[in-house]
Amino acid sequence: MKSVYLIAVVAALTAPACKKIVTLKLNNVPAAIVIEGNVTNEPGPYYVSISQPVDFYADNNFPPVSGATVLISNTEGQIDSLTEVSPGNYATNFIQGAPGDTYRLTVTAQGVNYTASSTMPATVNLDSITFEENKGFGQTRISAVANFQDPVGERNYYQFVEYVNSTQLTKDLFVFDDRLSDGRDIDYTLYNDTSYLQPGDAVRVDLYCIDSAVYNYFFQLLQSDGAGSFNTSASPANPTSNISNGAYGYFSAHTVSSQSEFIP
């Protein structure tokens, strides 16, 4: 997350005629919190994490926010009061995610109320994952390819999450919308900038069907070079959250479809 600053400093030091080091003008983070929560079509519990943001130049140490009141309700009128299972992490007790339902998150923390809502889209199944090889700079780069059929006549938004040998890859962020690909067979390649797959690795890909607000959040995060293991407050340009009252983060109700495969 500090790479933009480092590049600016290196450029200043290496330019022969440059006598001045320029530090990027990035605003300090205002008093707010970071809320990240998910509800899926898989069995719960589902989790909401709440933490304190930090400034861009601060260490990546995000203090948890404990003692919050966290509620998730659905269109059937059920209200689940989440339990704090570890500092800043809250878990549902009974609510079950289902496509087509709208879920509302309500958080009261540090005397401030925050709300968000998300409607879970219909499920799109991930048909298979395959692999492709690209050679360059004396190396062979293996990338996973997610293969699925996009529904006809619907606007769909997708997020992909990749695991290698049961460990989630968090350095890269993958989102896709079907604006130019409605109803087509999609072969989406997950190019990894910092993690390379090896023959024999076990790879799992999760396909999330997300709503437009969550897609816009992650797309903006990707455009601001905030991809990876992130806290939104540490990004130079904070993406637009679907959570009210100035909170950072997102609340997503999405479906999950997964496929696993060994790299030959």
Protein backbone atom coordinates (compact mmCIF):
# COMPACT_ATOMS: atom_id res chain seq x y z
CA MET A 1 0.00 0.00 0.00
CA LYS A 2 2.99 2.33 0.45
CA SER A 3 4.35 1.65 -3.09
CA VAL A 4 3.22 4.98 -4.57
CA TYR A 5 5.21 6.88 -1.98
CA LEU A 6 8.29 4.74 -2.48
CA ILE A 7 8.21 5.21 -6.26
CA ALA A 8 8.02 8.97 -5.82
CA VAL A 9 11.04 8.97 -3.53
CA VAL A 10 13.10 6.66 -5.76
CA ALA A 11 12.34 8.82 -8.81
CA ALA A 12 13.48 11.91 -6.96
CA LEU A 13 16.73 10.29 -5.81
CA THR A 14 17.67 8.89 -9.22
CA ALA A 15 16.90 11.91 -11.43
CA PRO A 16 20.27 13.65 -12.09
CA ALA A 17 18.91 17.21 -12.05
CA CYS A 18 16.45 16.68 -9.26
CA LYS A 19 17.34 18.32 -5.95
CA LYS A 20 14.01 17.98 -4.18
CA ILE A 21 12.20 14.93 -2.79
CA VAL A 22 8.48 15.22 -3.39
CA THR A 23 6.12 13.52 -0.97
CA LEU A 24 2.61 12.86 -2.21
CA LYS A 25 -0.03 15.11 -0.70
CA LEU A 26 -2.39 12.62 0.87
CA ASN A 27 -4.97 13.69 3.40
CA ASN A 28 -4.98 12.14 6.84
CA VAL A 29 -7.86 9.80 7.55
CA PRO A 30 -10.79 11.48 9.31
CA ALA A 31 -12.33 9.93 12.39
CA ALA A 32 -14.35 6.98 11.04
CA ILE A 33 -14.35 3.20 11.13
CA VAL A 34 -13.86 0.43 8.61
CA ILE A 35 -16.70 -2.09 8.31
CA GLU A 36 -16.44 -5.19 6.12
CA GLY A 37 -19.29 -7.69 6.10
CA ASN A 38 -20.63 -10.53 3.97
CA VAL A 39 -23.74 -12.68 3.68
CA THR A 40 -23.69 -15.57 1.18
CA ASN A 41 -25.87 -18.43 -0.06
CA GLU A 42 -23.61 -20.87 1.78
CA PRO A 43 -24.40 -21.93 5.35
CA GLY A 44 -23.45 -19.39 8.02
CA PRO A 45 -22.24 -18.05 10.27
CA TYR A 46 -21.39 -14.85 8.37
CA TYR A 47 -18.98 -12.28 9.67
CA VAL A 48 -18.67 -8.53 10.03
CA SER A 49 -15.30 -7.02 10.97
CA ILE A 50 -14.96 -3.53 12.42
CA SER A 51 -11.65 -1.74 12.81
CA GLN A 52 -10.17 1.71 13.20
CA PRO A 53 -8.64 3.27 10.06
CA VAL A 54 -5.06 4.51 9.84
CA ASP A 55 -3.37 7.22 7.82
CA PHE A 56 -1.66 6.34 4.55
CA TYR A 57 1.85 6.67 6.00
CA ALA A 58 1.05 4.82 9.22
CA ASP A 59 1.95 1.21 9.88
CA ASN A 60 -0.57 -1.38 8.67
CA ASN A 61 -1.91 -1.99 12.14
CA PHE A 62 -5.68 -1.57 12.26
CA PRO A 63 -7.05 -1.53 15.82
CA PRO A 64 -10.24 -3.61 16.21
CA VAL A 65 -13.43 -1.92 17.37
CA SER A 66 -15.01 -3.94 20.18
CA GLY A 67 -18.32 -3.54 21.94
CA ALA A 68 -20.33 -2.58 18.86
CA THR A 69 -23.96 -3.53 18.34
CA VAL A 70 -24.28 -5.31 14.98
CA LEU A 71 -27.58 -6.42 13.42
CA ILE A 72 -28.38 -8.08 10.09
CA SER A 73 -31.99 -8.31 8.92
CA ASN A 74 -33.61 -9.76 5.80
CA THR A 75 -36.75 -9.23 3.72
CA GLU A 76 -38.61 -11.85 5.76
CA GLY A 77 -38.32 -9.65 8.85
CA GLN A 78 -35.72 -11.76 10.66
CA ILE A 79 -33.23 -9.79 12.75
CA ASP A 80 -29.99 -11.45 13.81
CA SER A 81 -27.95 -9.81 16.59
CA LEU A 82 -24.33 -10.73 15.92
CA THR A 83 -21.97 -12.02 18.62
CA GLU A 84 -18.44 -10.64 19.01
CA VAL A 85 -16.33 -13.80 18.66
CA SER A 86 -12.95 -12.03 18.80
CA PRO A 87 -11.95 -8.36 19.10
CA GLY A 88 -13.64 -6.50 16.24
CA ASN A 89 -15.09 -9.66 14.62
CA TYR A 90 -18.83 -10.34 14.83
CA ALA A 91 -20.67 -13.52 13.76
CA THR A 92 -24.30 -14.22 12.89
CA ASN A 93 -26.28 -16.74 14.90
CA PHE A 94 -29.11 -18.00 12.67
CA ILE A 95 -29.81 -15.90 9.58
CA GLN A 96 -29.40 -17.74 6.25
CA GLY A 97 -28.53 -16.07 2.95
CA ALA A 98 -30.69 -16.72 -0.13
CA PRO A 99 -30.58 -15.29 -3.69
CA GLY A 100 -33.13 -12.54 -4.27
CA ASP A 101 -33.28 -11.46 -0.63
CA THR A 102 -32.16 -8.02 0.51
CA TYR A 103 -30.07 -7.80 3.66
CA ARG A 104 -29.65 -4.75 5.86
CA LEU A 105 -26.67 -4.18 8.12
CA THR A 106 -26.96 -1.90 11.14
CA VAL A 107 -23.90 -1.09 13.24
CA THR A 108 -23.74 1.11 16.31
CA ALA A 109 -20.13 1.76 17.28
CA GLN A 110 -18.51 4.50 19.31
CA GLY A 111 -21.86 6.29 19.56
CA VAL A 112 -22.44 6.44 15.79
CA ASN A 113 -24.97 4.49 13.69
CA TYR A 114 -24.03 3.03 10.31
CA THR A 115 -26.33 1.23 7.86
CA ALA A 116 -25.97 -0.60 4.54
CA SER A 117 -28.07 -2.87 2.38
CA SER A 118 -27.28 -5.39 -0.35
CA THR A 119 -29.49 -7.61 -2.50
CA MET A 120 -28.12 -11.07 -3.26
CA PRO A 121 -28.12 -11.77 -7.02
CA ALA A 122 -29.11 -15.06 -8.62
CA THR A 123 -26.44 -17.75 -8.65
CA VAL A 124 -24.18 -18.17 -11.68
CA ASN A 125 -22.33 -21.47 -11.59
CA LEU A 126 -18.60 -21.71 -12.19
CA ASP A 127 -18.37 -24.57 -14.71
CA SER A 128 -14.65 -25.34 -14.49
CA ILE A 129 -11.17 -23.93 -14.01
CA THR A 130 -8.39 -24.51 -16.50
CA PHE A 131 -4.84 -23.19 -16.77
CA GLU A 132 -2.84 -21.27 -19.32
CA GLU A 133 0.90 -20.69 -19.64
CA ASN A 134 2.65 -17.50 -20.69
CA LYS A 135 6.42 -17.28 -21.15
CA GLY A 136 8.51 -14.20 -20.67
CA PHE A 137 11.74 -12.99 -19.05
CA GLY A 138 12.97 -16.56 -18.89
CA GLN A 139 10.02 -17.71 -16.79
CA THR A 140 6.84 -19.65 -17.39
CA ARG A 141 3.83 -18.06 -15.74
CA ILE A 142 0.79 -20.22 -14.99
CA SER A 143 -2.59 -18.57 -14.55
CA ALA A 144 -5.96 -20.05 -13.61
CA VAL A 145 -8.89 -19.47 -15.96
CA ALA A 146 -12.48 -19.35 -14.67
CA ASN A 147 -14.96 -20.76 -17.19
CA PHE A 148 -18.69 -20.06 -16.91
CA GLN A 149 -21.81 -19.11 -18.87
CA ASP A 150 -23.08 -15.57 -18.37
CA PRO A 151 -26.92 -15.39 -18.26
CA VAL A 152 -28.65 -13.74 -21.22
CA GLY A 153 -30.44 -10.42 -20.75
CA GLU A 154 -29.18 -9.71 -17.22
CA ARG A 155 -26.60 -7.26 -15.93
CA ASN A 156 -24.19 -9.32 -13.88
CA TYR A 157 -21.24 -8.40 -11.68
CA TYR A 158 -18.62 -10.89 -10.57
CA GLN A 159 -15.74 -11.17 -8.14
CA PHE A 160 -13.18 -14.00 -8.16
CA VAL A 161 -11.26 -15.29 -5.16
CA GLU A 162 -8.34 -17.66 -5.67
CA TYR A 163 -6.80 -20.22 -3.30
CA VAL A 164 -3.56 -22.14 -3.79
CA ASN A 165 -2.96 -25.16 -1.56
CA SER A 166 -5.80 -23.94 0.69
CA THR A 167 -4.27 -20.47 1.14
CA GLN A 168 -6.14 -17.48 -0.24
CA LEU A 169 -4.16 -15.23 -2.56
CA THR A 170 -4.78 -11.70 -1.30
CA LYS A 171 -2.31 -9.70 -3.39
CA ASP A 172 -4.55 -9.52 -6.45
CA LEU A 173 -8.15 -8.41 -6.89
CA PHE A 174 -10.41 -9.71 -9.68
CA VAL A 175 -13.77 -8.20 -10.64
CA PHE A 176 -15.69 -8.38 -13.93
CA ASP A 177 -19.00 -7.15 -15.33
CA ASP A 178 -20.83 -8.43 -18.41
CA ARG A 179 -21.54 -5.07 -20.03
CA LEU A 180 -19.79 -6.19 -23.23
CA SER A 181 -20.23 -9.95 -22.73
CA ASP A 182 -23.92 -10.51 -22.00
CA GLY A 183 -24.97 -14.11 -22.50
CA ARG A 184 -21.54 -15.33 -23.61
CA ASP A 185 -19.28 -18.15 -22.52
CA ILE A 186 -16.74 -16.40 -20.30
CA ASP A 187 -13.12 -17.51 -19.92
CA TYR A 188 -11.71 -15.12 -17.33
CA THR A 189 -7.98 -15.35 -16.67
CA LEU A 190 -6.74 -14.62 -13.15
CA TYR A 191 -3.36 -13.03 -13.74
CA ASN A 192 -1.30 -12.95 -10.54
CA ASP A 193 1.19 -10.12 -10.16
CA THR A 194 2.96 -11.42 -7.08
CA SER A 195 2.05 -15.10 -6.76
CA TYR A 196 2.95 -17.72 -9.32
CA LEU A 197 1.31 -21.10 -9.60
CA GLN A 198 3.40 -24.23 -9.90
CA PRO A 199 2.70 -27.67 -11.40
CA GLY A 200 1.09 -29.91 -8.80
CA ASP A 201 -0.50 -27.04 -6.85
CA ALA A 202 -4.12 -27.45 -5.79
CA VAL A 203 -6.10 -24.42 -6.98
CA ARG A 204 -9.60 -23.39 -5.96
CA VAL A 205 -11.51 -20.50 -7.49
CA ASP A 206 -14.64 -19.00 -5.97
CA LEU A 207 -17.01 -17.10 -8.24
CA TYR A 208 -19.05 -14.47 -6.39
CA CYS A 209 -22.14 -12.89 -7.94
CA ILE A 210 -22.19 -9.42 -6.37
CA ASP A 211 -24.45 -6.39 -6.71
CA SER A 212 -23.53 -3.21 -8.56
CA ALA A 213 -22.60 -1.18 -5.47
CA VAL A 214 -20.13 -3.82 -4.26
CA TYR A 215 -18.71 -4.16 -7.77
CA ASN A 216 -18.16 -0.40 -7.97
CA TYR A 217 -16.43 -0.45 -4.59
CA PHE A 218 -13.93 -3.15 -5.61
CA PHE A 219 -13.47 -1.70 -9.10
CA GLN A 220 -12.54 1.68 -7.63
CA LEU A 221 -10.24 -0.05 -5.17
CA LEU A 222 -8.56 -1.84 -8.07
CA GLN A 223 -8.21 1.39 -10.05
CA SER A 224 -6.60 3.14 -7.08
CA ASP A 225 -4.02 0.33 -6.88
CA GLY A 226 -5.47 -0.73 -3.56
CA ALA A 227 -5.81 -4.39 -4.48
CA GLY A 228 -4.68 -7.15 -2.22
CA SER A 229 -4.66 -7.58 1.52
CA PHE A 230 -6.05 -4.18 2.24
CA ASN A 231 -7.72 -1.84 4.61
CA THR A 232 -9.64 0.75 2.63
CA SER A 233 -8.54 3.66 4.77
CA ALA A 234 -4.92 3.10 3.72
CA SER A 235 -5.65 3.57 0.00
CA PRO A 236 -4.67 6.93 -1.60
CA ALA A 237 -8.22 7.26 -3.01
CA ASN A 238 -10.83 5.65 -0.83
CA PRO A 239 -13.47 3.81 -2.88
CA THR A 240 -17.15 4.68 -2.53
CA SER A 241 -18.64 2.58 0.26
CA ASN A 242 -22.25 1.38 0.38
CA ILE A 243 -22.18 1.98 4.15
CA SER A 244 -23.66 5.22 5.46
CA ASN A 245 -22.33 7.96 7.70
CA GLY A 246 -18.78 8.13 6.42
CA ALA A 247 -17.69 4.57 7.17
CA TYR A 248 -15.10 2.91 4.98
CA GLY A 249 -15.55 -0.63 3.71
CA TYR A 250 -18.47 -2.55 2.23
CA PHE A 251 -21.38 -4.86 2.98
CA SER A 252 -21.99 -7.60 0.40
CA ALA A 253 -24.76 -10.17 -0.04
CA HIS A 254 -23.49 -12.51 -2.76
CA THR A 255 -23.66 -16.05 -4.05
CA VAL A 256 -20.67 -18.40 -4.17
CA SER A 257 -19.85 -21.11 -6.72
CA SER A 258 -16.52 -22.96 -6.49
CA GLN A 259 -14.34 -25.31 -8.52
CA SER A 260 -11.02 -26.96 -7.62
CA GLU A 261 -8.33 -28.46 -9.81
CA PHE A 262 -4.69 -29.61 -9.65
CA ILE A 263 -2.25 -27.94 -12.03
CA PRO A 264 -0.90 -30.65 -14.37
